[in-house]
Each structure stands twice: as C-alpha cells, then as structure tokens.
C-alpha cells in the first residue's frame, strides 16, 4: 500500500487523485486470498463520493496505465474483476522509496517470504551480483534441462527469475508453471517470456503456450 501511495504522491495532480482512490478501494475491498478486486461501480462511486461516470473514467485510466489488470469483464450483470499489477507498482514507486525512509527501501530491495501478503511481494534484482549464480546441473527430464539451458544462457536472469519456477504440467502444447509469488509470475510473464519460451521449446516438442500461476 505504501508503494501505491508514494507512486501516486509523486505524480501529477490527476494521477495523485486516481492513486488515492485506488488506495481507499484496495484497503476496503481487495481480496488478498484470491488476489483480486471485485467491486461494482455503484459501490465504488459511494466509497469515492463521486458519480458512476467518474468511476468508469478512473477504472479505465488505471487499467490503461496497467496498474490494474482486468481478469474478467463485467457482463450480463456480473461485476468485473481486477488484479493489482505488482510489477508496474514496483516500477512506478522505486524512484521514490528513499522519500519514505531507508527502512522502507531496505524492505523493498529484498525478496519477501512466500507467505507474505501480495502487496509486499516485490523484488529488486542486482543483476551484476546475480551473474555469479551456479547453473543447475543437467538432468534427463525436460524441465530440469530447460532450467539448465536458462542458467547457462544468463545466470543472473536464471537466479533472479527462473530458478523459482516449478513444473506443474505439460499437456496439449500448454506448459503450466508455478512461481513462488504472484509478483514473480506476473513479472516473468511481462518481461522474460521470450527466453523462457525459447529454451522450453527446445525441450518440450509441440509447445505452443506457457502459463504461470502462483
């Protein structure tokens, strides 16, 4: 929540308003267990003391900025579902961590425990130090071999993002992986899919798509 607030406070007046409204909405109604936000526009309007037209404009703005990711559209009387984009919140807030204090910067610069609340699952990577990682040993099954290829190709990237991925299943061209956190899953999907897909394709014949859960 602090990361959302500090990112907003260092933006334009309009952005500040949008992020303040998001903080209020997340504090009141975010479902951390399911990692999603499902709130009707009428309820948002009441919480923010605005009309529903303003709600539509704010939600559109937050999704366009990719601070909120839409999971399901609101159709046929069903409320839309959204998820916080931890990677984007991390990126927007990182330049301003020092304004909160050194303790906050320190917390944001390290990997959080797996059972920490989703809003705290952020990672700052020192790629220079990470390049000293040792590659995983080769194995005789496709996923360990994929990890070995990734480690050999870029040890820093492997250690920071790929080493924590686990194989769930491979069926009908779909490779299902599990990440240690929602943030890690989203970050790999957003930023590192090309090397992951390229290496996995060499070990999983017929691979068409990769999905990552947490």
Protein backbone atom coordinates (compact mmCIF):
# COMPACT_ATOMS: atom_id res chain seq x y z
CA UNK A 1 0.00 0.00 0.00
CA UNK A 2 2.88 2.36 0.75
CA UNK A 3 4.30 1.73 -2.71
CA UNK A 4 0.97 2.65 -4.33
CA UNK A 5 0.69 5.79 -2.20
CA UNK A 6 4.24 7.03 -2.79
CA UNK A 7 3.95 6.41 -6.54
CA UNK A 8 0.75 8.46 -6.60
CA UNK A 9 2.05 11.31 -4.48
CA UNK A 10 4.93 11.85 -6.89
CA UNK A 11 2.72 12.10 -9.96
CA UNK A 12 0.55 14.79 -11.49
CA UNK A 13 -2.46 16.13 -9.53
CA UNK A 14 -4.81 13.94 -11.58
CA UNK A 15 -2.64 10.87 -11.02
CA UNK A 16 -2.47 11.64 -7.30
CA UNK A 17 -6.27 11.61 -7.13
CA UNK A 18 -6.52 8.33 -9.02
CA UNK A 19 -3.97 6.61 -6.79
CA UNK A 20 -5.56 7.95 -3.59
CA UNK A 21 -8.87 6.49 -4.73
CA UNK A 22 -7.12 3.20 -5.53
CA UNK A 23 -5.57 3.10 -2.03
CA UNK A 24 -9.02 3.58 -0.48
CA UNK A 25 -10.54 0.91 -2.71
CA UNK A 26 -7.80 -1.65 -2.12
CA UNK A 27 -7.78 -1.02 1.63
CA UNK A 28 -11.52 -1.50 1.86
CA UNK A 29 -12.27 -4.25 -0.63
CA UNK A 30 -9.24 -6.08 -2.05
CA UNK A 31 -9.47 -9.86 -1.67
CA UNK A 32 -5.89 -10.79 -0.80
CA UNK A 33 -6.67 -14.51 -0.60
CA UNK A 34 -7.83 -14.61 -4.22
CA UNK A 35 -5.59 -11.72 -5.25
CA UNK A 36 -8.41 -9.85 -6.95
CA UNK A 37 -10.75 -6.90 -6.67
CA UNK A 38 -14.44 -7.37 -7.44
CA UNK A 39 -16.48 -4.26 -6.65
CA UNK A 40 -19.43 -2.83 -8.53
CA UNK A 41 -19.29 0.68 -9.98
CA UNK A 42 -22.12 1.87 -7.75
CA UNK A 43 -20.22 0.76 -4.67
CA UNK A 44 -17.04 2.43 -5.90
CA UNK A 45 -18.95 5.66 -6.51
CA UNK A 46 -20.28 5.58 -2.95
CA UNK A 47 -16.84 4.94 -1.49
CA UNK A 48 -15.21 7.70 -3.53
CA UNK A 49 -18.13 10.16 -3.18
CA UNK A 50 -18.35 10.57 -6.96
CA UNK A 51 -20.78 9.60 -9.71
CA UNK A 52 -20.55 6.38 -11.73
CA UNK A 53 -19.25 8.24 -14.78
CA UNK A 54 -16.20 9.26 -12.75
CA UNK A 55 -15.77 5.66 -11.62
CA UNK A 56 -15.72 4.44 -15.22
CA UNK A 57 -13.16 7.08 -16.12
CA UNK A 58 -10.90 6.21 -13.16
CA UNK A 59 -11.03 2.46 -13.75
CA UNK A 60 -10.30 2.97 -17.44
CA UNK A 61 -7.32 5.14 -16.55
CA UNK A 62 -5.90 2.65 -14.03
CA UNK A 63 -6.25 -0.26 -16.46
CA UNK A 64 -4.76 1.74 -19.33
CA UNK A 65 -1.76 2.52 -17.11
CA UNK A 66 -1.63 -1.24 -16.28
CA UNK A 67 -1.76 -0.54 -12.55
CA UNK A 68 -4.91 -2.65 -12.53
CA UNK A 69 -5.17 -5.76 -14.72
CA UNK A 70 -8.64 -6.88 -15.74
CA UNK A 71 -9.23 -10.56 -15.04
CA UNK A 72 -12.89 -10.74 -16.08
CA UNK A 73 -15.11 -8.11 -17.75
CA UNK A 74 -18.35 -7.04 -16.16
CA UNK A 75 -21.03 -8.52 -18.44
CA UNK A 76 -24.57 -9.80 -18.00
CA UNK A 77 -24.92 -8.35 -14.54
CA UNK A 78 -21.59 -9.80 -13.35
CA UNK A 79 -19.14 -7.50 -11.57
CA UNK A 80 -15.78 -7.08 -13.30
CA UNK A 81 -12.68 -8.48 -11.57
CA UNK A 82 -9.28 -6.81 -11.42
CA UNK A 83 -5.83 -7.57 -10.00
CA UNK A 84 -3.05 -5.25 -8.89
CA UNK A 85 -0.09 -5.25 -11.26
CA UNK A 86 2.73 -5.53 -8.72
CA UNK A 87 5.45 -5.19 -11.36
CA UNK A 88 4.13 -1.82 -12.54
CA UNK A 89 3.56 -0.55 -8.97
CA UNK A 90 7.14 -1.57 -8.20
CA UNK A 91 8.44 0.28 -11.27
CA UNK A 92 6.49 3.47 -10.56
CA UNK A 93 7.36 3.63 -6.88
CA UNK A 94 11.03 2.56 -6.98
CA UNK A 95 12.48 6.05 -7.70
CA UNK A 96 10.75 7.41 -4.59
CA UNK A 97 11.41 4.75 -1.94
CA UNK A 98 14.04 6.89 -0.25
CA UNK A 99 11.40 9.54 0.44
CA UNK A 100 9.63 7.08 2.72
CA UNK A 101 12.80 6.14 4.57
CA UNK A 102 15.77 3.77 4.50
CA UNK A 103 13.82 1.03 6.29
CA UNK A 104 11.21 1.02 3.52
CA UNK A 105 13.88 0.95 0.81
CA UNK A 106 15.56 -1.98 2.55
CA UNK A 107 12.31 -3.94 2.74
CA UNK A 108 11.60 -3.32 -0.93
CA UNK A 109 15.07 -4.34 -2.05
CA UNK A 110 14.89 -7.93 -0.85
CA UNK A 111 12.74 -10.94 -1.74
CA UNK A 112 9.76 -11.21 0.61
CA UNK A 113 8.75 -14.52 2.27
CA UNK A 114 6.45 -16.69 0.17
CA UNK A 115 3.62 -16.32 2.68
CA UNK A 116 3.83 -12.51 2.82
CA UNK A 117 0.74 -10.51 1.70
CA UNK A 118 0.71 -10.00 -2.09
CA UNK A 119 1.27 -6.23 -1.82
CA UNK A 120 4.68 -6.90 -0.25
CA UNK A 121 5.82 -9.44 -2.84
CA UNK A 122 8.25 -7.26 -4.76
CA UNK A 123 11.82 -7.88 -5.76
CA UNK A 124 14.74 -5.64 -6.65
CA UNK A 125 17.37 -7.53 -8.58
CA UNK A 126 21.11 -6.85 -8.55
CA UNK A 127 21.93 -8.47 -11.89
CA UNK A 128 25.66 -7.83 -11.56
CA UNK A 129 25.84 -9.87 -8.36
CA UNK A 130 23.35 -12.40 -9.65
CA UNK A 131 25.62 -13.40 -12.54
CA UNK A 132 27.75 -15.38 -10.12
CA UNK A 133 24.96 -17.94 -9.75
CA UNK A 134 25.92 -21.51 -10.43
CA UNK A 135 23.92 -23.23 -13.21
CA UNK A 136 21.67 -26.07 -12.22
CA UNK A 137 23.11 -29.47 -13.08
CA UNK A 138 21.79 -31.16 -16.26
CA UNK A 139 19.02 -33.71 -15.83
CA UNK A 140 17.29 -36.25 -18.02
CA UNK A 141 13.81 -34.72 -17.96
CA UNK A 142 12.60 -31.73 -19.99
CA UNK A 143 12.04 -29.14 -17.24
CA UNK A 144 15.42 -29.53 -15.46
CA UNK A 145 17.07 -29.42 -18.87
CA UNK A 146 15.18 -26.21 -19.64
CA UNK A 147 16.40 -24.69 -16.36
CA UNK A 148 19.95 -25.77 -17.19
CA UNK A 149 19.71 -24.03 -20.57
CA UNK A 150 18.40 -20.84 -18.94
CA UNK A 151 21.14 -20.92 -16.31
CA UNK A 152 23.82 -21.36 -18.94
CA UNK A 153 22.39 -18.62 -21.15
CA UNK A 154 22.07 -15.95 -18.44
CA UNK A 155 23.00 -16.97 -14.87
CA UNK A 156 21.76 -13.68 -13.39
CA UNK A 157 18.37 -13.87 -15.05
CA UNK A 158 18.09 -17.53 -14.12
CA UNK A 159 18.87 -16.95 -10.46
CA UNK A 160 16.59 -13.94 -10.11
CA UNK A 161 13.52 -15.10 -12.04
CA UNK A 162 13.64 -18.63 -13.44
CA UNK A 163 15.16 -20.70 -10.62
CA UNK A 164 11.98 -20.48 -8.52
CA UNK A 165 9.68 -21.75 -11.28
CA UNK A 166 8.35 -25.29 -10.92
CA UNK A 167 6.72 -27.55 -13.49
CA UNK A 168 3.01 -28.19 -12.99
CA UNK A 169 2.10 -29.95 -16.22
CA UNK A 170 2.62 -30.13 -19.97
CA UNK A 171 -0.40 -31.14 -21.99
CA UNK A 172 -1.68 -30.39 -25.48
CA UNK A 173 1.06 -27.83 -26.10
CA UNK A 174 0.39 -25.92 -22.86
CA UNK A 175 3.22 -25.73 -20.33
CA UNK A 176 1.91 -24.87 -16.85
CA UNK A 177 4.45 -23.49 -14.38
CA UNK A 178 4.21 -22.31 -10.78
CA UNK A 179 6.05 -19.25 -9.41
CA UNK A 180 6.84 -18.55 -5.73
CA UNK A 181 4.68 -15.41 -5.73
CA UNK A 182 2.07 -13.56 -7.76
CA UNK A 183 4.56 -10.77 -8.40
CA UNK A 184 7.20 -13.17 -9.75
CA UNK A 185 4.64 -14.85 -12.03
CA UNK A 186 3.44 -11.53 -13.42
CA UNK A 187 6.95 -10.17 -13.88
CA UNK A 188 8.18 -13.20 -15.82
CA UNK A 189 5.06 -13.18 -17.99
CA UNK A 190 5.52 -9.47 -18.71
CA UNK A 191 9.29 -9.19 -19.13
CA UNK A 192 11.01 -12.55 -19.59
CA UNK A 193 8.77 -14.79 -21.67
CA UNK A 194 10.94 -14.72 -24.80
CA UNK A 195 13.98 -16.52 -23.31
CA UNK A 196 11.77 -18.83 -21.27
CA UNK A 197 9.68 -19.86 -24.26
CA UNK A 198 12.74 -20.21 -26.48
CA UNK A 199 14.56 -22.57 -24.13
CA UNK A 200 11.45 -24.55 -23.18
CA UNK A 201 10.56 -25.06 -26.84
CA UNK A 202 13.81 -26.98 -27.31
CA UNK A 203 12.83 -29.47 -24.59
CA UNK A 204 9.04 -29.66 -24.96
CA UNK A 205 8.12 -30.65 -28.54
CA UNK A 206 4.87 -29.08 -29.66
CA UNK A 207 4.99 -26.28 -27.07
CA UNK A 208 2.56 -23.51 -28.03
CA UNK A 209 1.91 -21.54 -24.86
CA UNK A 210 3.24 -21.06 -21.33
CA UNK A 211 1.12 -20.05 -18.34
CA UNK A 212 2.47 -19.23 -14.87
CA UNK A 213 0.48 -19.38 -11.64
CA UNK A 214 1.44 -18.83 -8.03
